[in-house]
């Protein structure tokens, strides 16, 4: 993986970890107080998927 992909992958994993830590589990996963953490966590998951897609696309471009 390129250095940029590794940096963004680490950032997204840190965001997911922070959101899991900051979430108020006593209120429940779908409570209104936790909605900002769920939105941020889902954005980080989508970011991880985009990083892996971009890495795969760059590998395919290098082979040609």
Protein backbone atom coordinates (compact mmCIF):
# COMPACT_ATOMS: atom_id res chain seq x y z
CA UNK A 1 0.00 0.00 0.00
CA UNK A 2 1.11 3.51 -0.65
CA UNK A 3 1.96 5.76 2.27
CA UNK A 4 -1.17 7.89 1.70
CA UNK A 5 -3.45 4.87 1.85
CA UNK A 6 -1.83 3.70 5.07
CA UNK A 7 -2.25 7.13 6.66
CA UNK A 8 -5.94 7.35 5.77
CA UNK A 9 -6.53 3.76 6.84
CA UNK A 10 -5.00 4.51 10.25
CA UNK A 11 -7.08 7.68 10.59
CA UNK A 12 -10.32 5.88 9.78
CA UNK A 13 -9.54 3.12 12.28
CA UNK A 14 -8.82 5.75 14.94
CA UNK A 15 -12.14 7.48 14.15
CA UNK A 16 -14.03 4.20 14.53
CA UNK A 17 -12.28 3.46 17.81
CA UNK A 18 -13.01 6.92 19.19
CA UNK A 19 -16.68 6.68 18.21
CA UNK A 20 -17.03 3.28 19.85
CA UNK A 21 -15.44 4.68 23.00
CA UNK A 22 -17.55 7.87 23.09
CA UNK A 23 -20.87 6.15 22.45
CA UNK A 24 -23.22 5.92 25.42
CA UNK A 25 -24.02 2.23 25.51
CA UNK A 26 -26.53 2.53 28.37
CA UNK A 27 -28.86 4.58 26.15
CA UNK A 28 -28.84 2.06 23.33
CA UNK A 29 -27.26 1.96 19.92
CA UNK A 30 -30.05 3.79 18.06
CA UNK A 31 -30.69 6.55 20.62
CA UNK A 32 -30.69 10.18 19.41
CA UNK A 33 -27.63 11.02 21.52
CA UNK A 34 -25.62 8.37 19.67
CA UNK A 35 -26.70 9.37 16.17
CA UNK A 36 -23.68 11.63 15.62
CA UNK A 37 -21.34 8.80 16.54
CA UNK A 38 -23.16 6.34 14.29
CA UNK A 39 -22.97 8.78 11.36
CA UNK A 40 -19.27 9.37 11.90
CA UNK A 41 -18.59 5.66 12.29
CA UNK A 42 -20.44 4.82 9.08
CA UNK A 43 -18.47 7.51 7.23
CA UNK A 44 -15.24 5.97 8.51
CA UNK A 45 -16.32 2.49 7.34
CA UNK A 46 -17.14 3.88 3.90
CA UNK A 47 -13.74 5.62 3.91
CA UNK A 48 -11.99 2.33 4.65
CA UNK A 49 -13.83 0.71 1.74
CA UNK A 50 -12.83 3.58 -0.56
CA UNK A 51 -9.18 3.26 0.51
CA UNK A 52 -9.16 -0.45 -0.36
CA UNK A 53 -10.85 0.21 -3.71
CA UNK A 54 -8.35 2.94 -4.56
CA UNK A 55 -5.47 0.67 -3.55
CA UNK A 56 -6.81 -2.10 -5.77
CA UNK A 57 -7.28 0.28 -8.68
CA UNK A 58 -3.72 1.61 -8.33
CA UNK A 59 -2.35 -1.95 -8.30
CA UNK A 60 -4.28 -2.78 -11.46
CA UNK A 61 -3.02 0.39 -13.15
CA UNK A 62 0.59 -0.48 -12.29
CA UNK A 63 0.31 -3.93 -13.88
CA UNK A 64 -0.63 -2.56 -17.28
